[in-house]
Amino acid sequence: MPKTGTPSRPPRRRWRGWWLKQLHTWHWISAAISLSAMLLFAVTGITLNHAAAIGATPRVSERSATLPPGERLLLRAEPDARADPLPLAVAERLRGTIGLDVRGRAAEWSDTEVYVALPRAGGDAWVSVDRATGRVTAEVTDRGWIAWLNDLHKGRNTGDAWFWFIDLFAGACIVFTLTGLLLLQLHARHRPLTWPLVALGMLVPALLALFFLH
């Protein structure tokens, strides 16, 4: 009596099923990783595009202090290079008195003063120290949270950690896009509008770039 049972799927169908499962897995993983950052970059894309229409008044605050005699002596010594950071003791004193961290920051040394620029996301700051008197003058500018988010979008003055995050986020977006494209290809025969919509999504920005950019 012949044996009966469920026939096995052809190798091609098994391979397609495995490939489809892998694409779905990588697609949802990359989507989950990049979801919040993609939303952030989409929103800040709008705020950057309408930056001129979004009014913001920068808030500027001034701070001052005077270094004690021991730290003034450190400033009178000539630095090895004109971009050397402030001595650590002076930097610690400034962090405690005016609340700005200049440790390890490049400084501009002149005969009369030391100037440290402190650019930051969403604002700016600087510190100037008189080498003779120890008089400290500082200014902090805050341009608001929209400017802060816009600087995150541009990676402006955001530090190394955010620099590498942008690269990782961009990689996740590439995986998300390519796996989405391959999934479109696998399902295209059941969705006749797939390739016309993909072509339209490529054609519209290309035409805008060719004919409307000045």
Protein backbone atom coordinates (compact mmCIF):
# COMPACT_ATOMS: atom_id res chain seq x y z
CA MET A 1 0.00 0.00 0.00
CA PRO A 2 1.62 3.38 -1.01
CA LYS A 3 2.52 5.84 1.73
CA THR A 4 0.52 9.01 1.96
CA GLY A 5 1.46 12.31 3.61
CA THR A 6 1.76 16.04 3.13
CA PRO A 7 4.03 16.77 0.19
CA SER A 8 7.04 18.95 1.04
CA ARG A 9 7.21 22.42 -0.40
CA PRO A 10 9.46 22.91 -3.43
CA PRO A 11 12.94 24.25 -2.60
CA ARG A 12 12.18 27.55 -4.33
CA ARG A 13 9.13 28.18 -2.12
CA ARG A 14 11.10 27.23 1.02
CA TRP A 15 13.87 29.65 0.04
CA ARG A 16 11.37 32.44 -0.68
CA GLY A 17 9.68 31.87 2.69
CA TRP A 18 13.03 32.02 4.52
CA TRP A 19 14.06 35.16 2.64
CA LEU A 20 10.70 36.83 3.32
CA LYS A 21 10.97 36.05 7.03
CA GLN A 22 14.48 37.54 7.19
CA LEU A 23 13.38 40.73 5.43
CA HIS A 24 10.40 41.17 7.76
CA THR A 25 12.66 40.63 10.79
CA TRP A 26 15.27 43.17 9.72
CA HIS A 27 12.57 45.59 8.58
CA TRP A 28 10.78 45.70 11.93
CA ILE A 29 14.04 45.75 13.95
CA SER A 30 15.42 48.71 11.97
CA ALA A 31 12.02 50.43 12.23
CA ALA A 32 11.97 50.00 16.01
CA ILE A 33 15.54 51.30 16.38
CA SER A 34 15.03 54.36 14.20
CA LEU A 35 11.40 55.20 15.08
CA SER A 36 11.87 57.94 17.68
CA ALA A 37 14.86 59.52 15.94
CA MET A 38 13.07 59.41 12.57
CA LEU A 39 10.15 61.28 14.13
CA LEU A 40 12.58 63.83 15.62
CA PHE A 41 14.34 64.39 12.30
CA ALA A 42 11.02 64.66 10.43
CA VAL A 43 9.68 67.30 12.85
CA THR A 44 12.94 69.26 12.86
CA GLY A 45 12.99 69.07 9.07
CA ILE A 46 9.77 71.10 9.14
CA THR A 47 11.08 73.56 11.76
CA LEU A 48 14.31 74.06 9.79
CA ASN A 49 12.38 74.56 6.56
CA HIS A 50 10.30 77.28 8.25
CA ALA A 51 13.05 78.71 10.47
CA ALA A 52 12.47 82.26 9.22
CA ALA A 53 8.79 82.10 10.20
CA ILE A 54 9.40 80.67 13.68
CA GLY A 55 10.28 83.63 15.84
CA ALA A 56 12.66 83.19 18.75
CA THR A 57 14.24 85.82 20.97
CA PRO A 58 17.61 84.71 22.34
CA ARG A 59 18.04 85.01 26.08
CA VAL A 60 21.45 86.37 27.02
CA SER A 61 22.81 86.18 30.55
CA GLU A 62 26.09 87.63 31.79
CA ARG A 63 28.22 86.19 34.55
CA SER A 64 31.30 87.49 36.31
CA ALA A 65 33.78 86.54 38.99
CA THR A 66 37.33 87.24 40.16
CA LEU A 67 40.02 84.59 40.50
CA PRO A 68 41.98 84.41 43.77
CA PRO A 69 45.68 85.36 43.72
CA GLY A 70 46.96 81.78 43.45
CA GLU A 71 45.10 81.13 40.23
CA ARG A 72 46.04 84.50 38.76
CA LEU A 73 49.69 83.42 38.98
CA LEU A 74 48.87 80.38 36.84
CA LEU A 75 47.54 82.68 34.12
CA ARG A 76 50.68 84.82 34.08
CA ALA A 77 52.82 81.87 33.01
CA GLU A 78 53.18 81.61 29.24
CA PRO A 79 51.34 78.62 27.72
CA ASP A 80 53.18 76.10 25.55
CA ALA A 81 50.85 76.95 22.67
CA ARG A 82 48.38 79.76 22.03
CA ALA A 83 45.49 77.27 21.95
CA ASP A 84 46.30 75.47 25.21
CA PRO A 85 43.39 74.95 27.64
CA LEU A 86 43.20 76.90 30.87
CA PRO A 87 45.04 75.32 33.81
CA LEU A 88 42.89 72.71 35.54
CA ALA A 89 42.75 74.64 38.82
CA VAL A 90 41.45 77.72 37.01
CA ALA A 91 38.93 75.64 35.03
CA GLU A 92 37.63 74.05 38.23
CA ARG A 93 37.29 77.49 39.84
CA LEU A 94 35.30 78.78 36.87
CA ARG A 95 33.01 75.77 36.95
CA GLY A 96 32.26 76.45 40.60
CA THR A 97 31.83 80.23 40.35
CA ILE A 98 30.13 80.85 36.99
CA GLY A 99 28.80 77.36 36.20
CA LEU A 100 30.62 76.90 32.88
CA ASP A 101 32.87 73.93 32.17
CA VAL A 102 35.99 74.95 30.24
CA ARG A 103 38.10 71.91 31.14
CA GLY A 104 40.05 70.70 28.13
CA ARG A 105 38.61 73.40 25.85
CA ALA A 106 40.98 75.18 23.48
CA ALA A 107 41.69 78.72 24.67
CA GLU A 108 42.95 81.80 22.84
CA TRP A 109 45.84 83.32 24.79
CA SER A 110 46.83 86.93 24.22
CA ASP A 111 49.11 89.19 26.22
CA THR A 112 46.19 90.54 28.26
CA GLU A 113 43.47 87.87 28.37
CA VAL A 114 42.46 84.27 27.83
CA TYR A 115 39.32 83.69 25.77
CA VAL A 116 37.42 80.39 25.62
CA ALA A 117 34.57 79.84 23.15
CA LEU A 118 31.88 77.41 24.30
CA PRO A 119 29.54 76.73 21.35
CA ARG A 120 26.62 74.50 22.24
CA ALA A 121 23.44 73.12 20.70
CA GLY A 122 20.69 75.73 20.83
CA GLY A 123 22.92 78.52 22.00
CA ASP A 124 26.40 79.82 22.63
CA ALA A 125 28.72 80.87 25.44
CA TRP A 126 32.14 82.35 26.01
CA VAL A 127 34.49 83.12 28.88
CA SER A 128 37.16 85.80 29.03
CA VAL A 129 39.73 86.01 31.85
CA ASP A 130 42.00 89.00 32.38
CA ARG A 131 45.48 87.59 32.94
CA ALA A 132 46.60 90.46 35.16
CA THR A 133 43.60 91.06 37.43
CA GLY A 134 41.89 87.64 37.28
CA ARG A 135 38.63 89.34 36.32
CA VAL A 136 36.26 86.82 34.69
CA THR A 137 33.56 87.85 32.24
CA ALA A 138 31.21 85.34 30.66
CA GLU A 139 28.12 85.37 28.49
CA VAL A 140 25.60 82.59 27.84
CA THR A 141 23.08 82.74 24.99
CA ASP A 142 20.03 80.48 24.88
CA ARG A 143 18.06 80.47 21.61
CA GLY A 144 15.27 78.20 22.86
CA TRP A 145 14.27 74.56 22.53
CA ILE A 146 13.38 74.75 18.82
CA ALA A 147 16.90 75.98 18.04
CA TRP A 148 18.23 73.18 20.27
CA LEU A 149 16.25 70.55 18.33
CA ASN A 150 17.35 72.09 15.01
CA ASP A 151 20.97 71.83 16.09
CA LEU A 152 20.41 68.17 16.97
CA HIS A 153 19.12 67.67 13.42
CA LYS A 154 22.24 69.33 11.95
CA GLY A 155 24.66 67.77 14.45
CA ARG A 156 25.86 71.30 15.28
CA ASN A 157 27.93 71.56 18.46
CA THR A 158 26.45 68.33 19.82
CA GLY A 159 29.58 66.37 20.77
CA ASP A 160 30.99 62.98 19.86
CA ALA A 161 28.19 60.85 21.32
CA TRP A 162 25.52 62.50 19.14
CA PHE A 163 27.91 62.41 16.15
CA TRP A 164 28.10 58.61 16.35
CA PHE A 165 24.38 58.32 17.11
CA ILE A 166 23.57 60.09 13.83
CA ASP A 167 25.74 57.59 11.95
CA LEU A 168 24.06 54.61 13.65
CA PHE A 169 20.61 56.10 13.06
CA ALA A 170 21.41 56.70 9.38
CA GLY A 171 22.55 53.07 9.09
CA ALA A 172 19.28 51.84 10.62
CA CYS A 173 17.33 54.02 8.17
CA ILE A 174 19.27 52.54 5.25
CA VAL A 175 18.45 49.00 6.43
CA PHE A 176 14.80 50.00 6.92
CA THR A 177 14.60 51.49 3.42
CA LEU A 178 16.37 48.67 1.57
CA THR A 179 14.42 45.91 3.30
CA GLY A 180 11.23 47.84 2.58
CA LEU A 181 12.21 48.03 -1.10
CA LEU A 182 12.87 44.29 -1.25
CA LEU A 183 9.55 43.57 0.47
CA LEU A 184 7.84 45.76 -2.12
CA GLN A 185 9.49 43.70 -4.84
CA LEU A 186 8.33 40.41 -3.30
CA HIS A 187 4.73 41.62 -2.98
CA ALA A 188 4.59 43.73 -6.14
CA ARG A 189 2.72 41.21 -8.29
CA HIS A 190 -0.24 41.37 -5.89
CA ARG A 191 -0.12 45.19 -5.69
CA PRO A 192 -0.17 46.74 -9.16
CA LEU A 193 0.42 50.28 -7.88
CA THR A 194 3.73 49.38 -6.19
CA TRP A 195 6.19 50.38 -8.91
CA PRO A 196 4.23 53.37 -10.24
CA LEU A 197 4.22 54.81 -6.69
CA VAL A 198 7.93 54.07 -6.23
CA ALA A 199 8.69 55.75 -9.57
CA LEU A 200 6.56 58.75 -8.58
CA GLY A 201 8.40 59.05 -5.27
CA MET A 202 11.69 59.21 -7.18
CA LEU A 203 10.47 61.39 -10.04
CA VAL A 204 8.87 64.21 -8.04
CA PRO A 205 12.00 65.24 -6.04
CA ALA A 206 14.17 64.80 -9.16
CA LEU A 207 11.95 67.15 -11.18
CA LEU A 208 11.80 69.68 -8.34
CA ALA A 209 15.59 69.63 -8.07
CA LEU A 210 16.06 70.03 -11.82
CA PHE A 211 13.52 72.75 -12.56
CA PHE A 212 12.75 74.65 -9.34
CA LEU A 213 16.02 74.92 -7.44
CA HIS A 214 17.90 78.18 -7.95
